[in-house]
Amino acid sequence: MTPTFTQVDLTAPAAFGVSITTGTPLATYTTMKVGGPAELFAVVNHTDQLLKLVRWARRVELPYFILGGGSNMLISDAGIRGLVIYNRCRQVRIDPAPCCVYPVDDRPFLFAESGAALAGVARAGVRAGLTGLEWAVSVPGTVGGAVMGNAGAYGGEIKDSLAYAWVIDADGEVVEMQVEEFDYAYRDSSLKRRKPLRSAFNPVILSANFRLAEGDRDEIERRAAEVLQHRRATQPVEPSLGSVFVNPPGDFAGRLVEAAGLKGARSGGVEVSRQHANFIVRVPSGRGGVGAATATDVVRLMERIRSSVRDSFGIELTPEVQLVGEW
């Protein structure tokens, strides 16, 4: 990738503990293990660093992209231009309800920084005997991505328990964004409606506060264990994107893909999972996989799936996976 920001002083973020590298491969940072390099790449471990780096990037007119858990996203083989910020801000804690602010609701907060793994946050709630996020104990990705995309599973969604999030807005200011302001829909929000995603000067989620109710810890742990058991029994273990398509109203994307006869369908180094048809996975070496999967392979297979389902059932599948980078 030819550098395009050669006039920017890349040493400046060292003042707040951040270093920037060039041409960093991104495949290892994604759950699918495909995708090209970042033109510029930085790691942040604290929200103070994230805030300062975003403000610096805005000041020098350097577009940025926030990378979390790398799930439910497909990075182009050409990679991502601008600055990729790898978010490792992972603090999680339980806060008592501030009764003077919320006098009619004494449920405690589960606070999590945006780079924290959603599954780990959900498990923290379970350990504390708090109910509301049990469905997420097996969901990949980070809190930031989950809040942006209204992640959900097994009947639960982020919008059901999110109270508010702290966000760097379009002006670079930190604001408290209430759950209603995300304008949530099924696997969608006001912050997600930009496709394909590229480096830009978009709002950035710093942290989230979930409002969870106290409950019977044994019962909460039992429900969480059932979710984990169901996931292990029904979803593939090979590297994947997560669910590829949104479930259409009244149906399931996986059922439609399987009914179209596409389980095991292959494109280059990837195939439709033989366990769950709404997953695209890397072809295991035992079935001819050579580890050469590309993002282009994935897109070609997605288009084949959409075309087959459309021709067979007259239903247009909507991708849940977001395309990221230069396509």
Protein backbone atom coordinates (compact mmCIF):
# COMPACT_ATOMS: atom_id res chain seq x y z
CA MET A 1 0.00 0.00 0.00
CA THR A 2 1.49 3.33 -1.04
CA PRO A 3 1.67 5.74 1.93
CA THR A 4 -0.61 8.77 1.60
CA PHE A 5 0.10 10.62 4.85
CA THR A 6 3.83 11.22 4.56
CA GLN A 7 3.58 14.81 5.85
CA VAL A 8 2.20 13.79 9.26
CA ASP A 9 4.60 13.68 12.22
CA LEU A 10 4.01 10.11 13.36
CA THR A 11 6.20 10.51 16.44
CA ALA A 12 3.89 13.04 18.11
CA PRO A 13 1.62 10.45 19.85
CA ALA A 14 4.65 9.20 21.78
CA ALA A 15 3.95 12.12 24.12
CA PHE A 16 0.98 10.16 25.50
CA GLY A 17 2.49 6.68 25.25
CA VAL A 18 1.38 5.62 21.76
CA SER A 19 3.63 4.52 18.90
CA ILE A 20 2.60 4.27 15.25
CA THR A 21 3.84 1.63 12.82
CA THR A 22 3.37 1.33 9.06
CA GLY A 23 2.15 -1.54 6.89
CA THR A 24 1.01 -3.68 9.83
CA PRO A 25 -0.80 -6.90 8.72
CA LEU A 26 -4.34 -6.98 10.09
CA ALA A 27 -5.42 -10.57 9.38
CA THR A 28 -4.22 -11.78 12.78
CA TYR A 29 -6.44 -9.19 14.48
CA THR A 30 -9.63 -10.61 12.95
CA THR A 31 -11.62 -13.73 13.76
CA MET A 32 -11.56 -14.81 10.08
CA LYS A 33 -7.78 -14.35 9.81
CA VAL A 34 -7.98 -12.63 6.41
CA GLY A 35 -7.47 -9.08 5.22
CA GLY A 36 -4.69 -6.73 4.15
CA PRO A 37 -2.47 -4.30 6.07
CA ALA A 38 -3.06 -1.06 7.90
CA GLU A 39 -1.36 1.91 6.31
CA LEU A 40 -0.73 3.18 9.86
CA PHE A 41 -1.35 1.23 13.07
CA ALA A 42 -1.42 2.09 16.77
CA VAL A 43 -2.41 0.29 19.97
CA VAL A 44 -4.19 2.05 22.85
CA ASN A 45 -4.58 0.51 26.30
CA HIS A 46 -6.39 3.29 28.16
CA THR A 47 -9.35 5.48 27.22
CA ASP A 48 -7.21 8.54 27.90
CA GLN A 49 -4.85 7.36 25.15
CA LEU A 50 -7.76 6.62 22.84
CA LEU A 51 -9.23 10.08 23.37
CA LYS A 52 -5.89 11.84 22.86
CA LEU A 53 -5.03 9.80 19.76
CA VAL A 54 -8.41 10.47 18.14
CA ARG A 55 -8.14 14.18 18.85
CA TRP A 56 -4.58 14.24 17.49
CA ALA A 57 -5.66 12.41 14.32
CA ARG A 58 -8.46 14.92 13.81
CA ARG A 59 -6.10 17.82 14.33
CA VAL A 60 -3.63 16.59 11.68
CA GLU A 61 -6.51 15.50 9.38
CA LEU A 62 -5.57 11.82 9.56
CA PRO A 63 -8.65 9.58 9.10
CA TYR A 64 -8.86 6.72 11.59
CA PHE A 65 -10.59 3.38 12.03
CA ILE A 66 -11.21 1.72 15.41
CA LEU A 67 -10.44 -2.02 15.46
CA GLY A 68 -11.78 -4.09 18.34
CA GLY A 69 -12.27 -7.86 18.37
CA GLY A 70 -12.29 -8.18 14.59
CA SER A 71 -15.53 -10.17 14.43
CA ASN A 72 -18.52 -9.56 12.13
CA MET A 73 -16.24 -7.57 9.84
CA LEU A 74 -14.28 -8.35 6.70
CA ILE A 75 -11.16 -6.33 5.97
CA SER A 76 -10.34 -5.92 2.30
CA ASP A 77 -7.26 -7.65 0.88
CA ALA A 78 -6.09 -4.12 0.01
CA GLY A 79 -6.21 -3.23 3.70
CA ILE A 80 -7.22 0.01 5.40
CA ARG A 81 -5.85 3.44 4.56
CA GLY A 82 -5.24 6.00 7.26
CA LEU A 83 -4.73 5.12 10.92
CA VAL A 84 -6.05 1.88 12.40
CA ILE A 85 -6.42 2.19 16.17
CA TYR A 86 -6.40 -1.20 17.91
CA ASN A 87 -8.56 -0.74 21.00
CA ARG A 88 -7.33 -2.61 24.07
CA CYS A 89 -9.15 -0.44 26.66
CA ARG A 90 -10.59 -3.26 28.76
CA GLN A 91 -11.52 -2.05 32.24
CA VAL A 92 -14.70 -3.61 33.68
CA ARG A 93 -16.33 -2.90 37.04
CA ILE A 94 -19.62 -3.02 38.91
CA ASP A 95 -20.87 0.38 40.11
CA PRO A 96 -23.75 0.93 42.56
CA ALA A 97 -26.66 2.94 41.21
CA PRO A 98 -26.28 6.69 41.82
CA CYS A 99 -29.61 7.07 43.57
CA CYS A 100 -29.45 10.86 43.54
CA VAL A 101 -29.45 10.79 39.73
CA TYR A 102 -31.70 7.81 39.09
CA PRO A 103 -34.03 7.78 42.10
CA VAL A 104 -36.59 5.45 40.50
CA ASP A 105 -34.09 2.78 39.46
CA ASP A 106 -31.70 1.26 41.97
CA ARG A 107 -30.21 -1.38 39.66
CA PRO A 108 -26.40 -1.38 39.63
CA PHE A 109 -24.33 -0.45 36.60
CA LEU A 110 -21.94 -2.80 34.84
CA PHE A 111 -19.32 -0.45 33.42
CA ALA A 112 -17.06 -1.59 30.58
CA GLU A 113 -14.55 0.16 28.38
CA SER A 114 -15.12 -0.25 24.67
CA GLY A 115 -12.18 -2.59 24.04
CA ALA A 116 -13.34 -5.15 26.62
CA ALA A 117 -14.49 -8.50 25.25
CA LEU A 118 -18.28 -8.64 25.38
CA ALA A 119 -18.25 -12.27 26.51
CA GLY A 120 -15.94 -11.39 29.40
CA VAL A 121 -18.15 -8.48 30.42
CA ALA A 122 -21.18 -10.76 30.38
CA ARG A 123 -19.36 -13.30 32.55
CA ALA A 124 -18.48 -10.55 35.03
CA GLY A 125 -22.18 -9.81 35.33
CA VAL A 126 -22.96 -13.47 35.87
CA ARG A 127 -20.32 -13.78 38.60
CA ALA A 128 -21.82 -10.76 40.34
CA GLY A 129 -25.31 -12.29 40.27
CA LEU A 130 -26.61 -9.72 37.76
CA THR A 131 -29.04 -10.70 35.06
CA GLY A 132 -29.48 -9.22 31.59
CA LEU A 133 -26.35 -10.19 29.67
CA GLU A 134 -26.34 -13.98 29.99
CA TRP A 135 -27.04 -14.27 26.27
CA ALA A 136 -23.67 -12.64 25.53
CA VAL A 137 -21.35 -15.07 27.32
CA SER A 138 -20.58 -16.74 23.98
CA VAL A 139 -20.73 -13.71 21.68
CA PRO A 140 -17.38 -12.67 20.11
CA GLY A 141 -16.21 -9.10 19.70
CA THR A 142 -15.83 -6.12 21.98
CA VAL A 143 -18.22 -3.84 23.83
CA GLY A 144 -17.64 -1.01 21.35
CA GLY A 145 -18.61 -3.12 18.37
CA ALA A 146 -21.54 -4.64 20.23
CA VAL A 147 -22.92 -1.23 21.20
CA MET A 148 -22.48 0.08 17.68
CA GLY A 149 -24.14 -2.93 16.04
CA ASN A 150 -26.77 -3.82 18.68
CA ALA A 151 -25.27 -7.28 19.07
CA GLY A 152 -27.64 -9.98 20.18
CA ALA A 153 -28.22 -13.71 20.57
CA TYR A 154 -30.69 -16.13 22.11
CA GLY A 155 -33.40 -13.50 22.44
CA GLY A 156 -31.27 -10.76 24.01
CA GLU A 157 -29.87 -7.56 22.52
CA ILE A 158 -27.60 -4.74 23.64
CA LYS A 159 -30.48 -2.26 23.57
CA ASP A 160 -32.28 -4.24 26.28
CA SER A 161 -29.69 -3.47 28.97
CA LEU A 162 -27.60 -0.52 27.77
CA ALA A 163 -28.24 2.65 29.78
CA TYR A 164 -25.80 4.98 28.06
CA ALA A 165 -22.35 5.17 26.51
CA TRP A 166 -19.57 7.73 26.57
CA VAL A 167 -18.75 8.73 23.00
CA ILE A 168 -16.29 11.03 21.26
CA ASP A 169 -18.68 12.91 19.02
CA ALA A 170 -18.22 14.44 15.57
CA ASP A 171 -16.69 17.56 17.14
CA GLY A 172 -14.17 15.62 19.22
CA GLU A 173 -16.05 16.21 22.47
CA VAL A 174 -16.86 13.48 24.99
CA VAL A 175 -20.63 13.17 25.39
CA GLU A 176 -23.03 10.89 27.24
CA MET A 177 -25.15 9.15 24.61
CA GLN A 178 -28.38 7.64 25.95
CA VAL A 179 -29.61 4.32 24.60
CA GLU A 180 -32.48 6.05 22.80
CA GLU A 181 -30.03 8.15 20.81
CA PHE A 182 -28.56 5.08 19.12
CA ASP A 183 -31.86 4.60 17.27
CA TYR A 184 -31.42 0.85 17.55
CA ALA A 185 -32.86 -1.64 15.10
CA TYR A 186 -32.15 -5.31 14.51
CA ARG A 187 -28.30 -5.54 14.42
CA ASP A 188 -28.15 -1.86 13.55
CA SER A 189 -27.76 1.59 15.04
CA SER A 190 -27.35 5.21 14.02
CA LEU A 191 -23.56 4.79 14.29
CA LYS A 192 -23.41 1.67 12.14
CA ARG A 193 -25.18 2.96 9.04
CA ARG A 194 -22.03 3.60 7.04
CA LYS A 195 -21.09 0.92 4.45
CA PRO A 196 -18.47 -0.01 3.49
CA LEU A 197 -16.51 1.25 6.48
CA ARG A 198 -13.33 3.18 5.87
CA SER A 199 -11.05 5.40 7.88
CA ALA A 200 -12.87 8.66 8.60
CA PHE A 201 -13.59 11.11 11.43
CA ASN A 202 -16.47 9.13 12.89
CA PRO A 203 -17.73 9.12 16.49
CA VAL A 204 -15.85 6.73 18.79
CA ILE A 205 -17.33 4.75 21.68
CA LEU A 206 -15.18 5.03 24.82
CA SER A 207 -17.22 3.01 27.32
CA ALA A 208 -20.68 1.71 28.09
CA ASN A 209 -22.86 1.44 31.18
CA PHE A 210 -25.30 -1.46 31.35
CA ARG A 211 -28.20 -1.48 33.80
CA LEU A 212 -28.57 -5.02 35.15
CA ALA A 213 -30.91 -6.44 37.77
CA GLU A 214 -29.85 -8.52 40.73
CA GLY A 215 -31.09 -12.09 40.60
CA ASP A 216 -30.55 -15.63 41.79
CA ARG A 217 -26.89 -16.32 41.02
CA ASP A 218 -27.35 -20.07 40.60
CA GLU A 219 -30.17 -19.51 38.10
CA ILE A 220 -28.18 -16.87 36.22
CA GLU A 221 -25.16 -19.20 36.01
CA ARG A 222 -27.41 -22.02 34.79
CA ARG A 223 -28.79 -19.89 31.95
CA ALA A 224 -25.29 -18.75 30.98
CA ALA A 225 -24.06 -22.36 30.94
CA GLU A 226 -26.96 -23.33 28.65
CA VAL A 227 -26.01 -20.55 26.22
CA LEU A 228 -22.41 -21.72 26.14
CA GLN A 229 -23.41 -25.35 25.64
CA HIS A 230 -25.78 -24.45 22.81
CA ARG A 231 -23.16 -22.36 21.03
CA ARG A 232 -20.55 -25.12 21.22
CA ALA A 233 -23.04 -27.64 19.89
CA THR A 234 -24.34 -25.59 16.97
CA GLN A 235 -21.62 -23.20 15.76
CA PRO A 236 -18.31 -23.94 14.04
CA VAL A 237 -14.94 -23.73 15.76
CA GLU A 238 -13.00 -22.87 12.58
CA PRO A 239 -12.01 -19.21 12.01
CA SER A 240 -15.11 -17.35 10.80
CA LEU A 241 -16.79 -13.98 10.52
CA GLY A 242 -19.58 -14.85 12.92
CA SER A 243 -23.11 -14.77 11.50
CA VAL A 244 -22.83 -13.65 7.88
CA PHE A 245 -26.42 -12.60 7.15
CA VAL A 246 -29.20 -11.00 9.16
CA ASN A 247 -32.16 -13.27 9.77
CA PRO A 248 -35.04 -12.16 7.51
CA PRO A 249 -38.40 -11.53 9.17
CA GLY A 250 -39.98 -14.79 10.29
CA ASP A 251 -37.13 -16.98 9.08
CA PHE A 252 -33.47 -17.85 9.61
CA ALA A 253 -30.67 -17.08 7.20
CA GLY A 254 -28.95 -20.36 7.99
CA ARG A 255 -32.06 -22.37 7.13
CA LEU A 256 -32.39 -20.61 3.78
CA VAL A 257 -28.73 -21.13 2.89
CA GLU A 258 -28.93 -24.80 3.81
CA ALA A 259 -32.22 -25.24 1.90
CA ALA A 260 -30.50 -23.75 -1.16
CA GLY A 261 -28.04 -26.63 -0.98
CA LEU A 262 -25.01 -24.52 -0.12
CA LYS A 263 -23.61 -26.22 2.97
CA GLY A 264 -19.99 -26.93 2.15
CA ALA A 265 -20.01 -24.63 -0.91
CA ARG A 266 -16.50 -23.34 -1.45
CA SER A 267 -14.74 -20.28 -2.85
CA GLY A 268 -10.96 -20.47 -2.79
CA GLY A 269 -9.89 -21.03 0.79
CA VAL A 270 -13.29 -20.57 2.44
CA GLU A 271 -16.54 -22.50 2.55
CA VAL A 272 -20.05 -22.42 3.98
CA SER A 273 -19.86 -24.17 7.34
CA ARG A 274 -21.09 -27.76 7.31
CA GLN A 275 -22.30 -27.26 10.87
CA HIS A 276 -24.20 -23.95 10.58
CA ALA A 277 -24.98 -22.56 7.14
CA ASN A 278 -24.97 -18.89 8.24
CA PHE A 279 -21.22 -19.09 8.85
CA ILE A 280 -18.40 -18.89 6.33
CA VAL A 281 -15.23 -20.55 7.62
CA ARG A 282 -11.70 -21.13 6.44
CA VAL A 283 -11.38 -24.54 4.79
CA PRO A 284 -9.66 -26.90 7.26
CA SER A 285 -6.44 -28.47 5.98
CA GLY A 286 -7.97 -31.91 6.27
CA ARG A 287 -10.48 -30.98 3.56
CA GLY A 288 -8.02 -29.41 1.18
CA GLY A 289 -7.50 -26.08 2.88
CA VAL A 290 -4.09 -24.58 2.31
CA GLY A 291 -4.36 -21.49 4.47
CA ALA A 292 -4.59 -19.15 1.49
CA ALA A 293 -8.06 -17.74 2.18
CA THR A 294 -8.64 -14.16 1.10
CA ALA A 295 -11.29 -11.52 1.71
CA THR A 296 -12.10 -11.73 -2.00
CA ASP A 297 -12.91 -15.43 -1.54
CA VAL A 298 -15.36 -14.52 1.20
CA VAL A 299 -17.11 -11.80 -0.82
CA ARG A 300 -17.48 -14.08 -3.82
CA LEU A 301 -19.05 -16.77 -1.66
CA MET A 302 -21.37 -14.25 -0.03
CA GLU A 303 -22.57 -13.10 -3.44
CA ARG A 304 -23.13 -16.69 -4.54
CA ILE A 305 -25.19 -17.33 -1.41
CA ARG A 306 -27.32 -14.22 -1.90
CA SER A 307 -27.91 -15.04 -5.55
CA SER A 308 -28.90 -18.65 -4.82
CA VAL A 309 -31.27 -17.74 -2.00
CA ARG A 310 -32.81 -14.98 -4.12
CA ASP A 311 -33.34 -17.35 -7.07
CA SER A 312 -34.65 -20.18 -4.89
CA PHE A 313 -36.91 -18.32 -2.47
CA GLY A 314 -37.23 -14.73 -3.70
CA ILE A 315 -35.62 -13.47 -0.48
CA GLU A 316 -32.81 -10.92 -0.46
CA LEU A 317 -30.37 -11.68 2.35
CA THR A 318 -28.84 -8.66 4.07
CA PRO A 319 -25.23 -9.01 5.20
CA GLU A 320 -24.65 -8.68 8.93
CA VAL A 321 -20.91 -8.62 8.25
CA GLN A 322 -19.49 -5.18 7.50
CA LEU A 323 -16.99 -4.67 4.69
CA VAL A 324 -14.05 -2.62 5.93
CA GLY A 325 -11.27 -0.87 4.02
CA GLU A 326 -10.59 -0.34 0.34
CA TRP A 327 -12.83 -2.40 -1.94
